[in-house]
Every structure is written in structure tokens, then in C-alpha cells.
Amino acid sequence: MFPKYRTSVLLVSVILLFGSGLIMANAQSSNNLLLYLPVLLKQGAPGTPVPTSPVPTQAPTTQAPTLSPTPGQSVELVAVEYAWVNEASPSTNNGSFKANGISVGKYNGSRDGLVKFDISTIPTGTQIVSAGLYMNYQLYAGGGTTRPAFTITAHRVSTDWSDQSVTWNSRPTYGEAYFTTTFYQYGSVGFGVTDLVQAWIDGTYPNYGIVLEGSANLSGNYAAIFCIPTGGIWGCRDLTGTPYLKVEY
């Protein structure tokens, strides 16, 4: 009977040993699975797409608008002061409130016309496209029945003056010439002074106005009379003919 029990005990022991091996093997496998579980969770199961972060969409850029060139501007500036001086009456003032017009030429001595403009409405640094001085010629002083041809030059005035006090003796000094024109027909007469106005704007020269000087070799004894608003005894037909400066920029 004891051998039989030994056989049974041996069989039970073998079974227990075998079961222990299986348990140990399973435990080792479980440990290995736990070691690799974080990796599997991170990578995902085979065949399962790995989620990716969305690529940020670039914000659309706004194109700067194309700026059109600023349209040109034009302004007409009426003379703020005007006068004429007479060599034959060197101490007489012929300012804007006393004169009957602006007389320029060689009638009983030289006669020079002076005009001044306020250009402060034009910004400093402005590029001047064109500038012209316009006067309204409607009468002349002198004999004869045929209108003479006048040659008159526009100069820069280089010292200050006042239309209420200027005379031939106190007349300002004249600078360089800017434009010479010859005319005999009544009507508007223009003098191109673009460079002069640009020099005023740039600060190259102070703005003391423009002087009109008759040609020294004028044949005969004549003076052109340019109208002013008051007309006076010389009776200019168009009393709106105030000297004005037209500037485009």
C-alpha cells in the first residue's frame, strides 16, 4: 500500500511542479507585456492609423492697395500788392489804391510794374509743374494810331517793397530775368515763371514778387497799361483783369 501512495504523491508533485512552471511562465509573459504596454499604447495597434496633429493653416495675406498718383492741382492767386514806378516822377507813389493801372514801358522815362503774390497755400516741398503770371493789356500810353509792339521782361524782385510807399527812388533791386515776351494785341499777356515759383517754394529766394521791365530799345515813346480792378481814369474795359499767378503742381 505504501508504494501505491508514493506513486500518487509523486504524480501529484509532478502536476504541482508543472503547474508552477506554467504560472511562472505566465507571470513572466505578463511582466513583459506590462513593460511594452506604454510603447504599444503610444504607437497604436498594428494596422491602426496613428493620429497626427493638424498642420496649421497659414493666414491669408492682405495685399497692399496700389495707390494712384495724386491728381494735379491748380490754383490762381490774385496779386496782393501791385504798383508801378516812374522815372519821370521819381518820388511819386503809384500804389494799388492810387494807380489807375500798371504802366510798363518807355513813356516819358522808364516805367516798371511791380506785383506780389501770397503763395503760402502751396505746401513747402511741392513740385511745381508750371507757373505763369497773367496781366490784362487793354491800353497804351503814347502817340500815333497804330498799337506798338511791346517787349517786356519779368524779373525776380530781390528786396522787399510796399505798394503804399514804393517810388522810383525807393524801388527794390531786381534779380535775374525769367521770361521775355513781345506782344501788341490787346488781351491777356502771360509770363512763364515756373522756375521762380519753384525757387520761392524751395526757399531758395524770398518771395518779394515780380517786376516787369520794358525793353530799353523800344521804338517810340510808349507804355503798356495793364488793368487793375478799379479801372481809374484810364478806363480799362475789363475791370476783372487783376494780375494773377496761375500755378499747377
C-alpha atoms as a PDB file:
ATOM      1  CA  MET A   1       0.000   0.000   0.000  1.00  0.00           C
ATOM      2  CA  PHE A   2       2.840   2.435   0.691  1.00  0.00           C
ATOM      3  CA  PRO A   3       4.294   2.085  -2.825  1.00  0.00           C
ATOM      4  CA  LYS A   4       0.909   2.970  -4.238  1.00  0.00           C
ATOM      5  CA  TYR A   5       0.755   6.089  -2.108  1.00  0.00           C
ATOM      6  CA  ARG A   6       4.280   7.011  -3.173  1.00  0.00           C
ATOM      7  CA  THR A   7       3.264   6.798  -6.794  1.00  0.00           C
ATOM      8  CA  SER A   8       0.262   9.046  -6.142  1.00  0.00           C
ATOM      9  CA  VAL A   9       2.380  11.513  -4.195  1.00  0.00           C
ATOM     10  CA  LEU A  10       4.934  11.568  -6.997  1.00  0.00           C
ATOM     11  CA  LEU A  11       2.244  12.150  -9.568  1.00  0.00           C
ATOM     12  CA  VAL A  12       0.774  14.983  -7.524  1.00  0.00           C
ATOM     13  CA  SER A  13       4.226  16.545  -7.151  1.00  0.00           C
ATOM     14  CA  VAL A  14       4.835  16.382 -10.876  1.00  0.00           C
ATOM     15  CA  ILE A  15       1.491  18.012 -11.502  1.00  0.00           C
ATOM     16  CA  LEU A  16       2.251  20.719  -8.951  1.00  0.00           C
ATOM     17  CA  LEU A  17       5.690  21.343 -10.441  1.00  0.00           C
ATOM     18  CA  PHE A  18       4.263  21.539 -13.948  1.00  0.00           C
ATOM     19  CA  GLY A  19       1.543  23.925 -12.811  1.00  0.00           C
ATOM     20  CA  SER A  20       4.078  26.092 -11.042  1.00  0.00           C
ATOM     21  CA  GLY A  21       6.104  26.327 -14.265  1.00  0.00           C
ATOM     22  CA  LEU A  22       3.057  27.404 -16.195  1.00  0.00           C
ATOM     23  CA  ILE A  23       2.245  30.012 -13.587  1.00  0.00           C
ATOM     24  CA  MET A  24       5.787  31.306 -13.600  1.00  0.00           C
ATOM     25  CA  ALA A  25       5.837  31.382 -17.404  1.00  0.00           C
ATOM     26  CA  ASN A  26       2.550  33.260 -17.496  1.00  0.00           C
ATOM     27  CA  ALA A  27       3.805  35.693 -14.882  1.00  0.00           C
ATOM     28  CA  GLN A  28       6.943  36.377 -16.908  1.00  0.00           C
ATOM     29  CA  SER A  29       4.852  36.962 -20.009  1.00  0.00           C
ATOM     30  CA  SER A  30       2.628  39.339 -18.058  1.00  0.00           C
ATOM     31  CA  ASN A  31       5.664  41.269 -16.875  1.00  0.00           C
ATOM     32  CA  ASN A  32       6.951  41.547 -20.433  1.00  0.00           C
ATOM     33  CA  LEU A  33       3.529  42.737 -21.591  1.00  0.00           C
ATOM     34  CA  LEU A  34       3.480  45.400 -18.887  1.00  0.00           C
ATOM     35  CA  LEU A  35       6.935  46.587 -19.970  1.00  0.00           C
ATOM     36  CA  TYR A  36       5.881  47.016 -23.570  1.00  0.00           C
ATOM     37  CA  LEU A  37       2.363  48.299 -22.936  1.00  0.00           C
ATOM     38  CA  PRO A  38       3.301  52.039 -22.930  1.00  0.00           C
ATOM     39  CA  VAL A  39       5.080  51.611 -26.261  1.00  0.00           C
ATOM     40  CA  LEU A  40       2.113  49.817 -27.750  1.00  0.00           C
ATOM     41  CA  LEU A  41      -0.252  52.424 -26.462  1.00  0.00           C
ATOM     42  CA  LYS A  42       1.936  55.189 -27.957  1.00  0.00           C
ATOM     43  CA  GLN A  43       2.390  53.518 -31.353  1.00  0.00           C
ATOM     44  CA  GLY A  44      -1.113  52.080 -31.573  1.00  0.00           C
ATOM     45  CA  ALA A  45      -2.138  48.681 -32.574  1.00  0.00           C
ATOM     46  CA  PRO A  46      -0.781  47.250 -35.849  1.00  0.00           C
ATOM     47  CA  GLY A  47      -2.804  48.498 -38.778  1.00  0.00           C
ATOM     48  CA  THR A  48      -4.338  51.358 -36.801  1.00  0.00           C
ATOM     49  CA  PRO A  49      -3.566  54.882 -38.200  1.00  0.00           C
ATOM     50  CA  VAL A  50      -1.516  56.992 -35.805  1.00  0.00           C
ATOM     51  CA  PRO A  51      -3.304  60.302 -35.195  1.00  0.00           C
ATOM     52  CA  THR A  52      -1.265  63.331 -36.184  1.00  0.00           C
ATOM     53  CA  SER A  53      -1.556  66.971 -35.154  1.00  0.00           C
ATOM     54  CA  PRO A  54      -3.275  69.106 -37.811  1.00  0.00           C
ATOM     55  CA  VAL A  55      -0.956  71.301 -39.908  1.00  0.00           C
ATOM     56  CA  PRO A  56      -1.739  74.952 -39.091  1.00  0.00           C
ATOM     57  CA  THR A  57      -3.313  76.814 -41.973  1.00  0.00           C
ATOM     58  CA  GLN A  58      -1.383  79.967 -42.965  1.00  0.00           C
ATOM     59  CA  ALA A  59      -3.494  83.066 -42.554  1.00  0.00           C
ATOM     60  CA  PRO A  60      -4.213  84.759 -45.903  1.00  0.00           C
ATOM     61  CA  THR A  61      -2.105  87.837 -46.504  1.00  0.00           C
ATOM     62  CA  THR A  62      -3.733  91.110 -47.494  1.00  0.00           C
ATOM     63  CA  GLN A  63      -2.114  92.768 -50.487  1.00  0.00           C
ATOM     64  CA  ALA A  64      -1.447  96.463 -50.041  1.00  0.00           C
ATOM     65  CA  PRO A  65      -3.664  98.518 -52.361  1.00  0.00           C
ATOM     66  CA  THR A  66      -1.982 100.198 -55.295  1.00  0.00           C
ATOM     67  CA  LEU A  67      -2.050 103.942 -54.752  1.00  0.00           C
ATOM     68  CA  SER A  68      -2.933 106.068 -57.717  1.00  0.00           C
ATOM     69  CA  PRO A  69      -0.894 109.233 -58.309  1.00  0.00           C
ATOM     70  CA  THR A  70      -2.380 112.290 -56.693  1.00  0.00           C
ATOM     71  CA  PRO A  71      -4.228 114.255 -59.349  1.00  0.00           C
ATOM     72  CA  GLY A  72      -2.564 117.544 -60.266  1.00  0.00           C
ATOM     73  CA  GLN A  73      -3.824 120.667 -58.601  1.00  0.00           C
ATOM     74  CA  SER A  74      -4.157 124.156 -59.976  1.00  0.00           C
ATOM     75  CA  VAL A  75      -4.598 127.444 -58.171  1.00  0.00           C
ATOM     76  CA  GLU A  76      -4.999 131.050 -59.332  1.00  0.00           C
ATOM     77  CA  LEU A  77      -3.593 133.602 -56.921  1.00  0.00           C
ATOM     78  CA  VAL A  78      -4.639 137.221 -57.300  1.00  0.00           C
ATOM     79  CA  ALA A  79      -1.938 139.811 -56.688  1.00  0.00           C
ATOM     80  CA  VAL A  80      -1.974 141.060 -53.109  1.00  0.00           C
ATOM     81  CA  GLU A  81       0.129 144.128 -53.954  1.00  0.00           C
ATOM     82  CA  TYR A  82       0.800 145.947 -57.220  1.00  0.00           C
ATOM     83  CA  ALA A  83       2.272 149.283 -58.251  1.00  0.00           C
ATOM     84  CA  TRP A  84       4.345 150.963 -60.924  1.00  0.00           C
ATOM     85  CA  VAL A  85       7.235 153.368 -60.629  1.00  0.00           C
ATOM     86  CA  ASN A  86       8.011 156.228 -62.993  1.00  0.00           C
ATOM     87  CA  GLU A  87      11.447 157.587 -63.770  1.00  0.00           C
ATOM     88  CA  ALA A  88       9.883 160.901 -64.801  1.00  0.00           C
ATOM     89  CA  SER A  89       8.269 161.308 -61.346  1.00  0.00           C
ATOM     90  CA  PRO A  90      10.862 159.642 -59.144  1.00  0.00           C
ATOM     91  CA  SER A  91       9.265 160.487 -55.794  1.00  0.00           C
ATOM     92  CA  THR A  92       5.639 159.684 -56.749  1.00  0.00           C
ATOM     93  CA  ASN A  93       3.936 156.578 -55.407  1.00  0.00           C
ATOM     94  CA  ASN A  94       1.617 154.771 -57.796  1.00  0.00           C
ATOM     95  CA  GLY A  95       0.405 152.025 -55.491  1.00  0.00           C
ATOM     96  CA  SER A  96      -2.661 149.833 -55.820  1.00  0.00           C
ATOM     97  CA  PHE A  97      -5.038 152.330 -54.181  1.00  0.00           C
ATOM     98  CA  LYS A  98      -3.684 155.301 -56.137  1.00  0.00           C
ATOM     99  CA  ALA A  99      -2.818 153.933 -59.543  1.00  0.00           C
ATOM    100  CA  ASN A 100      -5.184 153.741 -62.488  1.00  0.00           C
ATOM    101  CA  GLY A 101      -3.407 150.704 -63.834  1.00  0.00           C
ATOM    102  CA  ILE A 102       0.071 149.214 -64.067  1.00  0.00           C
ATOM    103  CA  SER A 103       2.142 151.082 -66.612  1.00  0.00           C
ATOM    104  CA  VAL A 104       5.211 149.433 -68.166  1.00  0.00           C
ATOM    105  CA  GLY A 105       7.383 150.753 -70.952  1.00  0.00           C
ATOM    106  CA  LYS A 106       9.239 153.904 -72.030  1.00  0.00           C
ATOM    107  CA  TYR A 107       6.828 156.802 -71.888  1.00  0.00           C
ATOM    108  CA  ASN A 108       8.492 159.992 -70.661  1.00  0.00           C
ATOM    109  CA  GLY A 109      11.105 157.869 -68.989  1.00  0.00           C
ATOM    110  CA  SER A 110      11.116 154.269 -67.889  1.00  0.00           C
ATOM    111  CA  ARG A 111       8.105 152.734 -66.172  1.00  0.00           C
ATOM    112  CA  ASP A 112       8.358 149.438 -64.296  1.00  0.00           C
ATOM    113  CA  GLY A 113       5.477 147.404 -62.920  1.00  0.00           C
ATOM    114  CA  LEU A 114       5.601 145.510 -59.620  1.00  0.00           C
ATOM    115  CA  VAL A 115       3.336 142.647 -58.486  1.00  0.00           C
ATOM    116  CA  LYS A 116       3.413 140.474 -55.382  1.00  0.00           C
ATOM    117  CA  PHE A 117       1.574 137.236 -54.532  1.00  0.00           C
ATOM    118  CA  ASP A 118       0.846 135.224 -51.422  1.00  0.00           C
ATOM    119  CA  ILE A 119       1.852 131.606 -52.141  1.00  0.00           C
ATOM    120  CA  SER A 120       1.504 130.320 -48.572  1.00  0.00           C
ATOM    121  CA  THR A 121      -1.326 127.980 -49.596  1.00  0.00           C
ATOM    122  CA  ILE A 122       1.138 125.881 -51.606  1.00  0.00           C
ATOM    123  CA  PRO A 123       2.912 123.406 -49.271  1.00  0.00           C
ATOM    124  CA  THR A 124       6.674 123.608 -48.832  1.00  0.00           C
ATOM    125  CA  GLY A 125       8.447 120.977 -50.912  1.00  0.00           C
ATOM    126  CA  THR A 126       5.780 120.922 -53.620  1.00  0.00           C
ATOM    127  CA  GLN A 127       6.986 120.163 -57.131  1.00  0.00           C
ATOM    128  CA  ILE A 128       5.756 122.941 -59.413  1.00  0.00           C
ATOM    129  CA  VAL A 129       4.621 121.748 -62.830  1.00  0.00           C
ATOM    130  CA  SER A 130       4.023 125.170 -64.323  1.00  0.00           C
ATOM    131  CA  ALA A 131       3.500 128.750 -63.196  1.00  0.00           C
ATOM    132  CA  GLY A 132       2.525 131.803 -65.192  1.00  0.00           C
ATOM    133  CA  LEU A 133       1.917 135.472 -64.435  1.00  0.00           C
ATOM    134  CA  TYR A 134      -1.045 136.836 -66.383  1.00  0.00           C
ATOM    135  CA  MET A 135      -1.792 140.506 -66.970  1.00  0.00           C
ATOM    136  CA  ASN A 136      -4.622 142.122 -68.923  1.00  0.00           C
ATOM    137  CA  TYR A 137      -3.297 144.591 -71.513  1.00  0.00           C
ATOM    138  CA  GLN A 138      -6.014 146.951 -72.798  1.00  0.00           C
ATOM    139  CA  LEU A 139      -4.485 150.396 -73.228  1.00  0.00           C
ATOM    140  CA  TYR A 140      -1.213 152.066 -74.093  1.00  0.00           C
ATOM    141  CA  ALA A 141       0.215 155.483 -73.465  1.00  0.00           C
ATOM    142  CA  GLY A 142       1.805 157.314 -76.380  1.00  0.00           C
ATOM    143  CA  GLY A 143       1.022 158.966 -79.681  1.00  0.00           C
ATOM    144  CA  GLY A 144       0.053 157.515 -83.014  1.00  0.00           C
ATOM    145  CA  THR A 145      -2.855 155.478 -84.232  1.00  0.00           C
ATOM    146  CA  THR A 146      -1.137 152.098 -84.526  1.00  0.00           C
ATOM    147  CA  ARG A 147      -0.594 149.986 -81.448  1.00  0.00           C
ATOM    148  CA  PRO A 148       3.108 149.438 -80.921  1.00  0.00           C
ATOM    149  CA  ALA A 149       4.719 146.102 -80.179  1.00  0.00           C
ATOM    150  CA  PHE A 150       5.990 145.801 -76.629  1.00  0.00           C
ATOM    151  CA  THR A 151       8.822 143.643 -75.382  1.00  0.00           C
ATOM    152  CA  ILE A 152       8.634 143.189 -71.636  1.00  0.00           C
ATOM    153  CA  THR A 153      10.764 141.052 -69.350  1.00  0.00           C
ATOM    154  CA  ALA A 154       9.757 139.537 -65.990  1.00  0.00           C
ATOM    155  CA  HIS A 155      12.498 139.692 -63.323  1.00  0.00           C
ATOM    156  CA  ARG A 156      12.708 138.399 -59.796  1.00  0.00           C
ATOM    157  CA  VAL A 157      12.498 141.121 -57.134  1.00  0.00           C
ATOM    158  CA  SER A 158      15.368 140.627 -54.695  1.00  0.00           C
ATOM    159  CA  THR A 159      14.445 143.137 -51.949  1.00  0.00           C
ATOM    160  CA  ASP A 160      11.149 143.903 -50.262  1.00  0.00           C
ATOM    161  CA  TRP A 161       8.777 146.722 -51.131  1.00  0.00           C
ATOM    162  CA  SER A 162       5.321 148.038 -50.260  1.00  0.00           C
ATOM    163  CA  ASP A 163       2.771 149.177 -52.805  1.00  0.00           C
ATOM    164  CA  GLN A 164       1.768 152.016 -50.492  1.00  0.00           C
ATOM    165  CA  SER A 165       5.192 153.635 -50.441  1.00  0.00           C
ATOM    166  CA  VAL A 166       7.354 152.449 -53.346  1.00  0.00           C
ATOM    167  CA  THR A 167       8.643 155.079 -55.772  1.00  0.00           C
ATOM    168  CA  TRP A 168      11.249 155.146 -58.489  1.00  0.00           C
ATOM    169  CA  ASN A 169      13.798 156.398 -55.988  1.00  0.00           C
ATOM    170  CA  SER A 170      12.930 153.703 -53.430  1.00  0.00           C
ATOM    171  CA  ARG A 171      12.213 150.872 -55.855  1.00  0.00           C
ATOM    172  CA  PRO A 172      13.594 147.434 -54.921  1.00  0.00           C
ATOM    173  CA  THR A 173      16.546 145.807 -56.603  1.00  0.00           C
ATOM    174  CA  TYR A 174      15.918 143.446 -59.491  1.00  0.00           C
ATOM    175  CA  GLY A 175      17.279 139.956 -59.831  1.00  0.00           C
ATOM    176  CA  GLU A 176      17.687 137.670 -62.830  1.00  0.00           C
ATOM    177  CA  ALA A 177      15.251 137.608 -65.760  1.00  0.00           C
ATOM    178  CA  TYR A 178      12.838 134.696 -66.126  1.00  0.00           C
ATOM    179  CA  PHE A 179      10.715 135.406 -69.168  1.00  0.00           C
ATOM    180  CA  THR A 180      10.536 137.887 -72.058  1.00  0.00           C
ATOM    181  CA  THR A 181       7.525 138.294 -74.316  1.00  0.00           C
ATOM    182  CA  THR A 182       6.634 140.545 -77.230  1.00  0.00           C
ATOM    183  CA  PHE A 183       3.004 141.498 -77.877  1.00  0.00           C
ATOM    184  CA  TYR A 184       0.847 144.181 -79.437  1.00  0.00           C
ATOM    185  CA  GLN A 185      -2.681 142.729 -79.351  1.00  0.00           C
ATOM    186  CA  TYR A 186      -4.974 143.696 -76.504  1.00  0.00           C
ATOM    187  CA  GLY A 187      -5.875 140.950 -74.079  1.00  0.00           C
ATOM    188  CA  SER A 188      -4.174 138.583 -71.685  1.00  0.00           C
ATOM    189  CA  VAL A 189      -0.387 138.526 -71.663  1.00  0.00           C
ATOM    190  CA  GLY A 190       1.458 135.683 -69.960  1.00  0.00           C
ATOM    191  CA  PHE A 191       4.927 135.368 -68.473  1.00  0.00           C
ATOM    192  CA  GLY A 192       6.342 131.943 -67.671  1.00  0.00           C
ATOM    193  CA  VAL A 193       7.783 131.945 -64.145  1.00  0.00           C
ATOM    194  CA  THR A 194       7.818 128.242 -63.214  1.00  0.00           C
ATOM    195  CA  ASP A 195      11.431 128.228 -62.056  1.00  0.00           C
ATOM    196  CA  LEU A 196      10.935 131.355 -59.978  1.00  0.00           C
ATOM    197  CA  VAL A 197       7.885 129.989 -58.139  1.00  0.00           C
ATOM    198  CA  GLN A 198       9.746 126.725 -57.519  1.00  0.00           C
ATOM    199  CA  ALA A 199      12.618 128.721 -56.022  1.00  0.00           C
ATOM    200  CA  TRP A 200      10.149 130.508 -53.723  1.00  0.00           C
ATOM    201  CA  ILE A 201       8.618 127.198 -52.606  1.00  0.00           C
ATOM    202  CA  ASP A 202      12.042 125.629 -52.007  1.00  0.00           C
ATOM    203  CA  GLY A 203      13.204 128.645 -50.026  1.00  0.00           C
ATOM    204  CA  THR A 204      15.994 129.413 -52.486  1.00  0.00           C
ATOM    205  CA  TYR A 205      14.784 133.012 -52.715  1.00  0.00           C
ATOM    206  CA  PRO A 206      12.381 135.013 -50.542  1.00  0.00           C
ATOM    207  CA  ASN A 207       9.116 135.893 -52.240  1.00  0.00           C
ATOM    208  CA  TYR A 208       9.316 139.619 -52.971  1.00  0.00           C
ATOM    209  CA  GLY A 209       7.304 139.382 -56.150  1.00  0.00           C
ATOM    210  CA  ILE A 210       7.969 140.110 -59.817  1.00  0.00           C
ATOM    211  CA  VAL A 211       8.952 143.262 -61.668  1.00  0.00           C
ATOM    212  CA  LEU A 212       8.044 143.904 -65.303  1.00  0.00           C
ATOM    213  CA  GLU A 213      10.590 145.958 -67.208  1.00  0.00           C
ATOM    214  CA  GLY A 214      10.110 147.373 -70.691  1.00  0.00           C
ATOM    215  CA  SER A 215      12.697 146.877 -73.389  1.00  0.00           C
ATOM    216  CA  ALA A 216      15.368 149.593 -73.475  1.00  0.00           C
ATOM    217  CA  ASN A 217      15.322 149.673 -77.268  1.00  0.00           C
ATOM    218  CA  LEU A 218      11.551 150.183 -77.594  1.00  0.00           C
ATOM    219  CA  SER A 219      10.945 152.314 -80.667  1.00  0.00           C
ATOM    220  CA  GLY A 220       8.942 155.445 -79.918  1.00  0.00           C
ATOM    221  CA  ASN A 221       7.544 156.699 -76.640  1.00  0.00           C
ATOM    222  CA  TYR A 222       5.025 154.159 -75.400  1.00  0.00           C
ATOM    223  CA  ALA A 223       3.949 152.306 -72.311  1.00  0.00           C
ATOM    224  CA  ALA A 224       1.592 149.361 -71.988  1.00  0.00           C
ATOM    225  CA  ILE A 225      -1.124 149.749 -69.367  1.00  0.00           C
ATOM    226  CA  PHE A 226      -2.300 146.606 -67.615  1.00  0.00           C
ATOM    227  CA  CYS A 227      -5.692 146.770 -65.950  1.00  0.00           C
ATOM    228  CA  ILE A 228      -6.459 146.607 -62.256  1.00  0.00           C
ATOM    229  CA  PRO A 229      -9.919 146.203 -60.665  1.00  0.00           C
ATOM    230  CA  THR A 230     -10.542 149.911 -60.031  1.00  0.00           C
ATOM    231  CA  GLY A 231     -10.049 150.864 -63.657  1.00  0.00           C
ATOM    232  CA  GLY A 232      -9.477 154.506 -62.846  1.00  0.00           C
ATOM    233  CA  ILE A 233      -9.440 157.380 -65.301  1.00  0.00           C
ATOM    234  CA  TRP A 234      -7.708 155.243 -67.897  1.00  0.00           C
ATOM    235  CA  GLY A 235     -10.968 153.348 -68.253  1.00  0.00           C
ATOM    236  CA  CYS A 236      -9.879 149.743 -68.637  1.00  0.00           C
ATOM    237  CA  ARG A 237     -12.707 147.936 -70.362  1.00  0.00           C
ATOM    238  CA  ASP A 238     -12.371 144.731 -68.298  1.00  0.00           C
ATOM    239  CA  LEU A 239     -12.218 145.623 -64.624  1.00  0.00           C
ATOM    240  CA  THR A 240     -11.761 141.947 -63.652  1.00  0.00           C
ATOM    241  CA  GLY A 241      -8.296 141.988 -65.134  1.00  0.00           C
ATOM    242  CA  THR A 242      -6.396 141.827 -61.869  1.00  0.00           C
ATOM    243  CA  PRO A 243      -2.881 140.407 -62.285  1.00  0.00           C
ATOM    244  CA  TYR A 244      -2.872 136.785 -61.164  1.00  0.00           C
ATOM    245  CA  LEU A 245      -0.473 133.890 -60.811  1.00  0.00           C
ATOM    246  CA  LYS A 246      -1.649 130.503 -62.093  1.00  0.00           C
ATOM    247  CA  VAL A 247       0.243 127.591 -60.551  1.00  0.00           C
ATOM    248  CA  GLU A 248      -0.079 123.887 -61.359  1.00  0.00           C
ATOM    249  CA  TYR A 249       1.527 121.334 -59.062  1.00  0.00           C
END
